[in-house]
Every structure is written in C-alpha cells, then in structure tokens.
C-alpha cells in the first residue's frame, strides 16, 4: 500500500488533525496530517511530538476525538 504523503510531499501539510478541548472552546491542539488523519511523528519536533502524544492520551478525558480539517491556503 502506497503512502500518499510519500508520493506528494504537500499531502502531509494540506490537512490538520485537531484535538478540541472538552472544557475550553478556545483551547485545542492541531498537527499536520494527511487526508486520513495520519500524523508523521518523525516530522514533528520534540515539543510538538510530546504535545501530540499528550493530546492523544487524553482523548475522552480532556479532548474530543480528533477530527481532520483542511488547512486554509494563504
């Protein structure tokens, strides 16, 4: 099975995986991902990787199930 992000380097940055806080509407974590919501952890910096793992571990307690959003082009 082919990795779409490997075929198209921009694919991994066209979308973001967003973890919305269950208690604070203004708080969320967002990470670059592909259309399927796959985050390339090896492309994240240490702080970003730790934040991703933190948010993922707290789904259902502090954060909603993450959703994939198309990133706005500038």
C-alpha atoms as a PDB file:
ATOM      1  CA  UNK A   1       0.000   0.000   0.000  1.00  0.00           C
ATOM      2  CA  UNK A   2       1.389   3.376  -1.019  1.00  0.00           C
ATOM      3  CA  UNK A   3       1.862   6.246   1.437  1.00  0.00           C
ATOM      4  CA  UNK A   4       0.139   9.307  -0.110  1.00  0.00           C
ATOM      5  CA  UNK A   5       2.393  11.677   1.831  1.00  0.00           C
ATOM      6  CA  UNK A   6       5.459   9.983   0.344  1.00  0.00           C
ATOM      7  CA  UNK A   7       4.046  10.379  -3.184  1.00  0.00           C
ATOM      8  CA  UNK A   8       3.094  14.021  -2.627  1.00  0.00           C
ATOM      9  CA  UNK A   9       5.148  15.908  -0.019  1.00  0.00           C
ATOM     10  CA  UNK A  10       2.468  18.602   0.249  1.00  0.00           C
ATOM     11  CA  UNK A  11      -0.163  15.978   1.144  1.00  0.00           C
ATOM     12  CA  UNK A  12       1.113  15.803   4.730  1.00  0.00           C
ATOM     13  CA  UNK A  13       0.573  19.552   5.217  1.00  0.00           C
ATOM     14  CA  UNK A  14      -2.772  20.070   3.451  1.00  0.00           C
ATOM     15  CA  UNK A  15      -4.697  18.885   6.480  1.00  0.00           C
ATOM     16  CA  UNK A  16      -4.504  19.139  10.232  1.00  0.00           C
ATOM     17  CA  UNK A  17      -5.591  16.763  12.939  1.00  0.00           C
ATOM     18  CA  UNK A  18      -7.332  18.845  15.581  1.00  0.00           C
ATOM     19  CA  UNK A  19      -7.863  17.804  19.216  1.00  0.00           C
ATOM     20  CA  UNK A  20     -10.513  20.161  20.648  1.00  0.00           C
ATOM     21  CA  UNK A  21     -10.704  20.673  24.413  1.00  0.00           C
ATOM     22  CA  UNK A  22     -13.876  19.314  26.002  1.00  0.00           C
ATOM     23  CA  UNK A  23     -13.902  22.126  28.587  1.00  0.00           C
ATOM     24  CA  UNK A  24     -12.431  25.212  26.910  1.00  0.00           C
ATOM     25  CA  UNK A  25     -13.725  26.031  23.426  1.00  0.00           C
ATOM     26  CA  UNK A  26     -10.697  28.230  22.777  1.00  0.00           C
ATOM     27  CA  UNK A  27      -8.155  25.502  23.504  1.00  0.00           C
ATOM     28  CA  UNK A  28      -7.087  22.850  21.011  1.00  0.00           C
ATOM     29  CA  UNK A  29      -4.021  21.123  19.644  1.00  0.00           C
ATOM     30  CA  UNK A  30      -3.550  20.814  15.879  1.00  0.00           C
ATOM     31  CA  UNK A  31      -0.930  18.834  13.955  1.00  0.00           C
ATOM     32  CA  UNK A  32      -0.167  18.475  10.248  1.00  0.00           C
ATOM     33  CA  UNK A  33      -1.538  15.242   8.797  1.00  0.00           C
ATOM     34  CA  UNK A  34      -2.673  13.613   5.571  1.00  0.00           C
ATOM     35  CA  UNK A  35      -6.305  13.276   4.459  1.00  0.00           C
ATOM     36  CA  UNK A  36      -6.668  10.077   6.510  1.00  0.00           C
ATOM     37  CA  UNK A  37      -5.514  11.820   9.705  1.00  0.00           C
ATOM     38  CA  UNK A  38      -2.098  10.143   9.809  1.00  0.00           C
ATOM     39  CA  UNK A  39       0.496  12.323  11.546  1.00  0.00           C
ATOM     40  CA  UNK A  40       4.122  11.813  10.535  1.00  0.00           C
ATOM     41  CA  UNK A  41       5.653  11.773  14.003  1.00  0.00           C
ATOM     42  CA  UNK A  42       9.196  11.715  12.623  1.00  0.00           C
ATOM     43  CA  UNK A  43       8.499  15.118  11.016  1.00  0.00           C
ATOM     44  CA  UNK A  44       7.476  16.692  14.343  1.00  0.00           C
ATOM     45  CA  UNK A  45       9.880  18.463  16.648  1.00  0.00           C
ATOM     46  CA  UNK A  46      10.316  17.135  20.170  1.00  0.00           C
ATOM     47  CA  UNK A  47       7.910  19.620  21.777  1.00  0.00           C
ATOM     48  CA  UNK A  48       5.280  19.115  19.063  1.00  0.00           C
ATOM     49  CA  UNK A  49       5.638  15.319  19.299  1.00  0.00           C
ATOM     50  CA  UNK A  50       5.180  15.439  23.094  1.00  0.00           C
ATOM     51  CA  UNK A  51       2.094  17.641  22.690  1.00  0.00           C
ATOM     52  CA  UNK A  52       0.663  15.221  20.115  1.00  0.00           C
ATOM     53  CA  UNK A  53       1.173  12.233  22.422  1.00  0.00           C
ATOM     54  CA  UNK A  54      -0.282  14.198  25.355  1.00  0.00           C
ATOM     55  CA  UNK A  55      -3.443  15.161  23.445  1.00  0.00           C
ATOM     56  CA  UNK A  56      -3.843  11.652  22.064  1.00  0.00           C
ATOM     57  CA  UNK A  57      -3.565  10.143  25.551  1.00  0.00           C
ATOM     58  CA  UNK A  58      -6.256  12.446  26.930  1.00  0.00           C
ATOM     59  CA  UNK A  59      -8.930  11.841  24.282  1.00  0.00           C
ATOM     60  CA  UNK A  60     -12.195  11.303  26.109  1.00  0.00           C
ATOM     61  CA  UNK A  61     -10.931  12.914  29.313  1.00  0.00           C
ATOM     62  CA  UNK A  62      -9.801  16.406  28.286  1.00  0.00           C
ATOM     63  CA  UNK A  63     -10.025  16.342  24.486  1.00  0.00           C
ATOM     64  CA  UNK A  64     -12.634  15.273  21.968  1.00  0.00           C
ATOM     65  CA  UNK A  65     -11.902  12.593  19.388  1.00  0.00           C
ATOM     66  CA  UNK A  66      -9.637  14.341  16.871  1.00  0.00           C
ATOM     67  CA  UNK A  67     -11.011  15.471  13.528  1.00  0.00           C
ATOM     68  CA  UNK A  68      -9.258  16.095  10.225  1.00  0.00           C
ATOM     69  CA  UNK A  69      -9.633  19.624   8.842  1.00  0.00           C
ATOM     70  CA  UNK A  70      -8.421  21.013   5.541  1.00  0.00           C
ATOM     71  CA  UNK A  71      -5.879  23.736   6.163  1.00  0.00           C
ATOM     72  CA  UNK A  72      -6.609  27.114   4.677  1.00  0.00           C
ATOM     73  CA  UNK A  73      -4.235  28.115   1.897  1.00  0.00           C
ATOM     74  CA  UNK A  74      -2.579  31.517   2.178  1.00  0.00           C
END
